[in-house]
Structure formats: C-alpha cells, structure tokens
C-alpha cells in the first residue's frame, strides 16, 4: 500500500530517529517519545486498512510478535510509522524529506545501501510503500 507522506516533507527526522552515538544513551526513549508526540497530531494511517498494512509491515520486519502488534493503539502504530519514515529518510542522508537528493537516493536504494521505502512519485508527491 502506498501512503502519501508529502505533508511530512519539513518534519525534523532527527528528532524521531537517531542513534545513541548521535543523541546519547536515552536516544531510543527520546526518539520514541518524540514519535508518540508527533503522532498526536499527525495520523497518516487513518483507516483500518492503512493501520493493518502497518501492522503487517511491522510483522514482516520480525521485530515484534503478533501479540505485541495486536496490542498497539492507533497512536502507537502511527508513531512507529513516523519513526520508520524518519529512519529511512536519515538512511538517505537527510534530516528532512525535503533535503533528500532523489537521484542519489535512487542509487543508494538500487545498490542496496539504503533499504528505504520512501520514494518520489511521478506526480511530485512523496510516498512510503507499506508492503510486507
């Protein structure tokens, strides 16, 4: 499922995704809390189908059990989605979606150096592909 993430182009991705090396020993907790806060006002997964697509995506990552995923609230699913977008953006060498060099991003993605699900559509919008 393709999710239009264009409205996030100015979002500070560093705030939602960075390492302990970059942000100290509380980086994981701090980025998760920032993602939860952002999910209060930014809910791109706004239908049961989109929420399920993210659950399936998370399940396919192997990071959580089915029971854990089933227990997540809509806010937590949206927070994880935002954090995933931020992480993919940073893997592409940018701290916001609008900073991404799309020519370079495509090379990184095709070369397997940045396993990002973010892409620039032919319509000029930004998308995240939620596929299991």
N, C-alpha and C. Protein backbone atom coordinates (compact mmCIF):
# COMPACT_ATOMS: atom_id res chain seq x y z
N UNK A 1 0.84 -1.17 0.00
CA UNK A 1 0.00 0.00 0.00
C UNK A 1 0.89 1.24 0.00
N UNK A 2 0.59 2.17 -0.86
CA UNK A 2 1.31 3.43 -0.93
C UNK A 2 0.63 4.44 -0.01
N UNK A 3 1.44 5.10 0.82
CA UNK A 3 0.93 6.13 1.72
C UNK A 3 1.57 7.45 1.32
N UNK A 4 0.75 8.45 1.04
CA UNK A 4 1.23 9.79 0.69
C UNK A 4 1.79 10.43 1.96
N UNK A 5 3.09 10.73 1.95
CA UNK A 5 3.74 11.34 3.12
C UNK A 5 4.22 12.75 2.82
N UNK A 6 3.73 13.34 1.73
CA UNK A 6 4.18 14.65 1.29
C UNK A 6 4.06 15.69 2.40
N UNK A 7 3.03 15.61 3.21
CA UNK A 7 2.84 16.62 4.25
C UNK A 7 3.96 16.60 5.29
N UNK A 8 4.78 15.57 5.29
CA UNK A 8 5.88 15.46 6.25
C UNK A 8 7.20 16.02 5.73
N UNK A 9 7.20 16.63 4.56
CA UNK A 9 8.46 16.99 3.92
C UNK A 9 9.34 17.90 4.77
N UNK A 10 8.77 18.68 5.68
CA UNK A 10 9.57 19.58 6.52
C UNK A 10 9.79 19.01 7.93
N UNK A 11 9.27 17.83 8.22
CA UNK A 11 9.40 17.24 9.55
C UNK A 11 10.87 17.00 9.89
N UNK A 12 11.25 17.30 11.12
CA UNK A 12 12.61 17.07 11.61
C UNK A 12 12.78 15.59 11.91
N UNK A 13 13.39 14.87 10.99
CA UNK A 13 13.54 13.43 11.14
C UNK A 13 14.54 13.05 12.22
N UNK A 14 15.52 13.89 12.47
CA UNK A 14 16.50 13.60 13.52
C UNK A 14 15.80 13.45 14.86
N UNK A 15 14.84 14.28 15.11
CA UNK A 15 14.10 14.25 16.38
C UNK A 15 13.41 12.90 16.60
N UNK A 16 13.00 12.24 15.51
CA UNK A 16 12.27 10.99 15.61
C UNK A 16 13.14 9.75 15.42
N UNK A 17 14.35 9.93 14.93
CA UNK A 17 15.20 8.76 14.67
C UNK A 17 16.67 9.16 14.67
N UNK A 18 17.36 8.74 15.71
CA UNK A 18 18.81 8.88 15.75
C UNK A 18 19.40 7.87 16.72
N UNK A 19 20.67 7.67 16.60
CA UNK A 19 21.36 6.63 17.38
C UNK A 19 21.81 7.16 18.74
N UNK A 20 22.23 6.24 19.59
CA UNK A 20 22.81 6.61 20.88
C UNK A 20 24.11 7.39 20.66
N UNK A 21 24.84 7.06 19.60
CA UNK A 21 26.07 7.80 19.28
C UNK A 21 25.73 9.27 19.04
N UNK A 22 24.63 9.52 18.35
CA UNK A 22 24.24 10.90 18.00
C UNK A 22 23.51 11.62 19.13
N UNK A 23 22.72 10.86 19.91
CA UNK A 23 21.85 11.52 20.88
C UNK A 23 22.01 11.07 22.32
N UNK A 24 22.99 10.25 22.59
CA UNK A 24 23.22 9.82 23.96
C UNK A 24 22.45 8.56 24.31
N UNK A 25 22.68 8.11 25.53
CA UNK A 25 22.15 6.81 25.96
C UNK A 25 20.63 6.75 26.01
N UNK A 26 19.95 7.88 26.03
CA UNK A 26 18.48 7.89 26.05
C UNK A 26 17.87 8.10 24.67
N UNK A 27 18.66 7.93 23.63
CA UNK A 27 18.19 8.19 22.26
C UNK A 27 16.95 7.37 21.92
N UNK A 28 16.95 6.09 22.26
CA UNK A 28 15.80 5.24 21.94
C UNK A 28 14.52 5.74 22.59
N UNK A 29 14.60 6.01 23.86
CA UNK A 29 13.43 6.51 24.59
C UNK A 29 13.01 7.89 24.07
N UNK A 30 14.00 8.76 23.85
CA UNK A 30 13.68 10.12 23.41
C UNK A 30 13.05 10.15 22.02
N UNK A 31 13.57 9.33 21.10
CA UNK A 31 13.00 9.33 19.75
C UNK A 31 11.61 8.70 19.75
N UNK A 32 11.40 7.68 20.58
CA UNK A 32 10.07 7.07 20.66
C UNK A 32 9.07 8.06 21.25
N UNK A 33 9.46 8.76 22.30
CA UNK A 33 8.56 9.76 22.89
C UNK A 33 8.25 10.88 21.91
N UNK A 34 9.25 11.31 21.15
CA UNK A 34 9.02 12.34 20.13
C UNK A 34 8.07 11.83 19.05
N UNK A 35 8.21 10.56 18.69
CA UNK A 35 7.32 9.96 17.68
C UNK A 35 5.89 9.87 18.20
N UNK A 36 5.74 9.47 19.46
CA UNK A 36 4.40 9.41 20.07
C UNK A 36 3.77 10.80 20.10
N UNK A 37 4.57 11.81 20.44
CA UNK A 37 4.06 13.18 20.48
C UNK A 37 3.62 13.64 19.09
N UNK A 38 4.45 13.36 18.08
CA UNK A 38 4.11 13.75 16.71
C UNK A 38 2.85 13.03 16.23
N UNK A 39 2.67 11.79 16.67
CA UNK A 39 1.50 11.00 16.27
C UNK A 39 0.20 11.54 16.85
N UNK A 40 0.30 12.40 17.84
CA UNK A 40 -0.90 13.05 18.39
C UNK A 40 -1.58 13.91 17.33
N UNK A 41 -0.78 14.56 16.51
CA UNK A 41 -1.33 15.49 15.52
C UNK A 41 -1.17 15.02 14.08
N UNK A 42 -0.29 14.04 13.85
CA UNK A 42 -0.03 13.55 12.50
C UNK A 42 -0.41 12.09 12.44
N UNK A 43 -1.56 11.83 11.86
CA UNK A 43 -2.05 10.46 11.76
C UNK A 43 -2.30 10.12 10.30
N UNK A 44 -1.24 9.69 9.63
CA UNK A 44 -1.34 9.33 8.22
C UNK A 44 -2.04 7.99 8.02
N UNK A 45 -1.98 7.15 9.03
CA UNK A 45 -2.65 5.85 8.96
C UNK A 45 -4.02 6.04 9.58
N UNK A 46 -4.95 6.50 8.76
CA UNK A 46 -6.24 6.97 9.26
C UNK A 46 -7.44 6.10 8.85
N UNK A 47 -7.15 4.90 8.37
CA UNK A 47 -8.22 3.96 8.05
C UNK A 47 -7.82 2.59 8.61
N UNK A 48 -8.79 1.73 8.83
CA UNK A 48 -8.45 0.38 9.30
C UNK A 48 -7.50 -0.35 8.34
N UNK A 49 -7.63 -0.11 7.04
CA UNK A 49 -6.78 -0.76 6.05
C UNK A 49 -5.32 -0.29 6.17
N UNK A 50 -5.13 1.01 6.35
CA UNK A 50 -3.78 1.55 6.49
C UNK A 50 -3.14 1.07 7.79
N UNK A 51 -3.92 1.05 8.86
CA UNK A 51 -3.39 0.56 10.14
C UNK A 51 -2.99 -0.90 10.04
N UNK A 52 -3.80 -1.70 9.35
CA UNK A 52 -3.47 -3.11 9.18
C UNK A 52 -2.24 -3.29 8.30
N UNK A 53 -2.11 -2.44 7.27
CA UNK A 53 -0.93 -2.52 6.41
C UNK A 53 0.34 -2.27 7.23
N UNK A 54 0.29 -1.33 8.17
CA UNK A 54 1.46 -1.08 9.02
C UNK A 54 1.69 -2.24 9.98
N UNK A 55 0.63 -2.81 10.50
CA UNK A 55 0.80 -4.00 11.36
C UNK A 55 1.48 -5.13 10.58
N UNK A 56 1.02 -5.35 9.34
CA UNK A 56 1.62 -6.40 8.50
C UNK A 56 3.08 -6.08 8.20
N UNK A 57 3.36 -4.83 7.93
CA UNK A 57 4.72 -4.37 7.64
C UNK A 57 5.62 -4.63 8.85
N UNK A 58 5.13 -4.27 10.03
CA UNK A 58 5.90 -4.48 11.26
C UNK A 58 6.11 -5.97 11.51
N UNK A 59 5.09 -6.77 11.27
CA UNK A 59 5.19 -8.22 11.45
C UNK A 59 6.26 -8.79 10.53
N UNK A 60 6.29 -8.31 9.29
CA UNK A 60 7.27 -8.83 8.33
C UNK A 60 8.70 -8.44 8.68
N UNK A 61 8.85 -7.40 9.50
CA UNK A 61 10.20 -6.98 9.90
C UNK A 61 10.83 -7.95 10.89
N UNK A 62 9.99 -8.71 11.58
CA UNK A 62 10.49 -9.67 12.56
C UNK A 62 10.82 -9.06 13.91
N UNK A 63 10.54 -7.79 14.10
CA UNK A 63 10.90 -7.12 15.34
C UNK A 63 9.93 -7.30 16.49
N UNK A 64 8.72 -7.77 16.19
CA UNK A 64 7.68 -7.89 17.21
C UNK A 64 6.86 -9.14 16.97
N UNK A 65 6.27 -9.63 18.01
CA UNK A 65 5.38 -10.78 17.88
C UNK A 65 4.00 -10.30 17.44
N UNK A 66 3.21 -11.23 16.95
CA UNK A 66 1.84 -10.90 16.58
C UNK A 66 1.03 -10.37 17.75
N UNK A 67 1.28 -10.92 18.93
CA UNK A 67 0.56 -10.47 20.14
C UNK A 67 0.93 -9.03 20.48
N UNK A 68 2.22 -8.71 20.37
CA UNK A 68 2.66 -7.33 20.65
C UNK A 68 2.00 -6.36 19.68
N UNK A 69 2.03 -6.71 18.41
CA UNK A 69 1.48 -5.83 17.38
C UNK A 69 -0.02 -5.65 17.56
N UNK A 70 -0.73 -6.71 17.90
CA UNK A 70 -2.19 -6.63 18.10
C UNK A 70 -2.54 -5.71 19.26
N UNK A 71 -1.63 -5.57 20.21
CA UNK A 71 -1.91 -4.74 21.40
C UNK A 71 -1.65 -3.25 21.16
N UNK A 72 -1.02 -2.90 20.05
CA UNK A 72 -0.70 -1.49 19.80
C UNK A 72 -1.95 -0.66 19.57
N UNK A 73 -1.94 0.54 20.11
CA UNK A 73 -3.01 1.50 19.85
C UNK A 73 -2.79 2.14 18.47
N UNK A 74 -3.82 2.80 17.96
CA UNK A 74 -3.69 3.52 16.68
C UNK A 74 -2.57 4.55 16.77
N UNK A 75 -2.47 5.22 17.91
CA UNK A 75 -1.42 6.23 18.10
C UNK A 75 -0.04 5.58 18.04
N UNK A 76 0.13 4.43 18.67
CA UNK A 76 1.42 3.76 18.65
C UNK A 76 1.78 3.29 17.24
N UNK A 77 0.81 2.83 16.49
CA UNK A 77 1.07 2.40 15.11
C UNK A 77 1.49 3.60 14.27
N UNK A 78 0.81 4.72 14.43
CA UNK A 78 1.18 5.93 13.70
C UNK A 78 2.56 6.42 14.13
N UNK A 79 2.88 6.32 15.42
CA UNK A 79 4.20 6.74 15.90
C UNK A 79 5.29 5.88 15.29
N UNK A 80 5.06 4.58 15.24
CA UNK A 80 6.06 3.69 14.64
C UNK A 80 6.23 4.01 13.15
N UNK A 81 5.13 4.28 12.48
CA UNK A 81 5.19 4.64 11.06
C UNK A 81 6.02 5.91 10.87
N UNK A 82 5.76 6.93 11.69
CA UNK A 82 6.52 8.18 11.60
C UNK A 82 8.00 7.94 11.88
N UNK A 83 8.28 7.10 12.88
CA UNK A 83 9.66 6.81 13.21
C UNK A 83 10.35 6.04 12.07
N UNK A 84 9.62 5.15 11.45
CA UNK A 84 10.18 4.40 10.33
C UNK A 84 10.49 5.32 9.16
N UNK A 85 9.58 6.24 8.87
CA UNK A 85 9.82 7.23 7.81
C UNK A 85 11.07 8.04 8.12
N UNK A 86 11.18 8.50 9.37
CA UNK A 86 12.33 9.30 9.78
C UNK A 86 13.62 8.50 9.63
N UNK A 87 13.60 7.25 10.03
CA UNK A 87 14.79 6.41 9.89
C UNK A 87 15.19 6.21 8.44
N UNK A 88 14.21 5.96 7.59
CA UNK A 88 14.50 5.79 6.16
C UNK A 88 15.06 7.08 5.57
N UNK A 89 14.50 8.20 5.96
CA UNK A 89 14.97 9.50 5.47
C UNK A 89 16.43 9.70 5.86
N UNK A 90 16.75 9.41 7.09
CA UNK A 90 18.12 9.59 7.57
C UNK A 90 19.08 8.62 6.88
N UNK A 91 18.60 7.42 6.55
CA UNK A 91 19.45 6.48 5.80
C UNK A 91 19.78 7.04 4.42
N UNK A 92 18.92 7.90 3.92
CA UNK A 92 19.14 8.52 2.61
C UNK A 92 19.98 9.79 2.73
N UNK A 93 20.53 10.05 3.93
CA UNK A 93 21.45 11.16 4.12
C UNK A 93 20.84 12.50 4.37
N UNK A 94 19.59 12.54 4.84
CA UNK A 94 18.92 13.81 5.07
C UNK A 94 18.25 13.82 6.44
N UNK A 95 18.00 15.01 6.94
CA UNK A 95 17.28 15.15 8.20
C UNK A 95 15.83 15.59 7.99
N UNK A 96 15.45 15.80 6.74
CA UNK A 96 14.05 16.05 6.39
C UNK A 96 13.82 15.52 4.98
N UNK A 97 12.60 15.21 4.67
CA UNK A 97 12.27 14.67 3.35
C UNK A 97 12.60 15.66 2.24
N UNK A 98 12.44 16.96 2.54
CA UNK A 98 12.71 17.95 1.50
C UNK A 98 14.20 18.09 1.19
N UNK A 99 15.07 17.57 2.06
CA UNK A 99 16.52 17.64 1.84
C UNK A 99 17.05 16.47 1.02
N UNK A 100 16.23 15.47 0.74
CA UNK A 100 16.71 14.28 0.04
C UNK A 100 17.08 14.60 -1.40
N UNK A 101 18.26 14.15 -1.79
CA UNK A 101 18.71 14.22 -3.18
C UNK A 101 18.17 12.95 -3.84
N UNK A 102 17.10 13.07 -4.62
CA UNK A 102 16.41 11.89 -5.14
C UNK A 102 17.22 11.09 -6.13
N UNK A 103 18.10 11.74 -6.89
CA UNK A 103 18.98 10.99 -7.78
C UNK A 103 19.92 10.10 -6.98
N UNK A 104 20.52 10.67 -5.95
CA UNK A 104 21.42 9.92 -5.08
C UNK A 104 20.65 8.85 -4.31
N UNK A 105 19.45 9.19 -3.86
CA UNK A 105 18.63 8.23 -3.11
C UNK A 105 18.34 7.00 -3.95
N UNK A 106 18.00 7.21 -5.20
CA UNK A 106 17.70 6.08 -6.08
C UNK A 106 18.92 5.18 -6.25
N UNK A 107 20.10 5.78 -6.36
CA UNK A 107 21.33 4.99 -6.48
C UNK A 107 21.56 4.17 -5.20
N UNK A 108 21.38 4.80 -4.05
CA UNK A 108 21.57 4.10 -2.78
C UNK A 108 20.58 2.95 -2.63
N UNK A 109 19.33 3.21 -3.00
CA UNK A 109 18.29 2.19 -2.89
C UNK A 109 18.58 1.03 -3.84
N UNK A 110 18.89 1.34 -5.09
CA UNK A 110 19.15 0.29 -6.08
C UNK A 110 20.40 -0.52 -5.74
N UNK A 111 21.38 0.14 -5.09
CA UNK A 111 22.61 -0.53 -4.71
C UNK A 111 22.51 -1.29 -3.40
N UNK A 112 21.34 -1.25 -2.77
CA UNK A 112 21.15 -1.95 -1.51
C UNK A 112 21.82 -1.28 -0.32
N UNK A 113 22.25 -0.04 -0.48
CA UNK A 113 22.93 0.68 0.59
C UNK A 113 21.96 1.39 1.52
N UNK A 114 20.74 1.59 1.08
CA UNK A 114 19.72 2.25 1.89
C UNK A 114 18.39 1.56 1.61
N UNK A 115 18.04 0.61 2.45
CA UNK A 115 16.80 -0.14 2.22
C UNK A 115 15.57 0.69 2.60
N UNK A 116 15.37 1.76 1.90
CA UNK A 116 14.32 2.72 2.21
C UNK A 116 13.06 2.44 1.39
N UNK A 117 11.92 2.67 2.00
CA UNK A 117 10.64 2.51 1.32
C UNK A 117 10.05 3.85 0.89
N UNK A 118 10.84 4.90 1.00
CA UNK A 118 10.41 6.25 0.60
C UNK A 118 10.75 6.46 -0.87
N UNK A 119 9.85 7.10 -1.59
CA UNK A 119 10.17 7.44 -2.97
C UNK A 119 9.39 8.66 -3.43
N UNK A 120 9.93 9.29 -4.45
CA UNK A 120 9.31 10.44 -5.09
C UNK A 120 8.48 9.94 -6.25
N UNK A 121 7.17 10.20 -6.20
CA UNK A 121 6.29 9.74 -7.25
C UNK A 121 6.39 10.61 -8.50
N UNK A 122 5.91 10.08 -9.60
CA UNK A 122 5.92 10.84 -10.85
C UNK A 122 5.01 12.05 -10.78
N UNK A 123 4.13 12.08 -9.78
CA UNK A 123 3.23 13.22 -9.57
C UNK A 123 3.85 14.29 -8.68
N UNK A 124 5.13 14.10 -8.28
CA UNK A 124 5.82 15.07 -7.44
C UNK A 124 5.56 14.90 -5.95
N UNK A 125 4.71 13.94 -5.58
CA UNK A 125 4.42 13.70 -4.17
C UNK A 125 5.40 12.66 -3.62
N UNK A 126 5.52 12.66 -2.30
CA UNK A 126 6.38 11.70 -1.61
C UNK A 126 5.53 10.58 -1.07
N UNK A 127 6.04 9.35 -1.20
CA UNK A 127 5.29 8.17 -0.77
C UNK A 127 6.18 7.25 0.07
N UNK A 128 5.51 6.46 0.89
CA UNK A 128 6.13 5.37 1.61
C UNK A 128 5.36 4.12 1.22
N UNK A 129 6.10 3.09 0.79
CA UNK A 129 5.45 1.86 0.41
C UNK A 129 5.40 0.92 1.61
N UNK A 130 4.18 0.61 2.05
CA UNK A 130 3.97 -0.33 3.14
C UNK A 130 3.63 -1.67 2.52
N UNK A 131 4.64 -2.47 2.34
CA UNK A 131 4.45 -3.80 1.78
C UNK A 131 5.14 -4.82 2.65
N UNK A 132 4.47 -5.92 2.84
CA UNK A 132 5.07 -6.98 3.69
C UNK A 132 6.00 -7.85 2.88
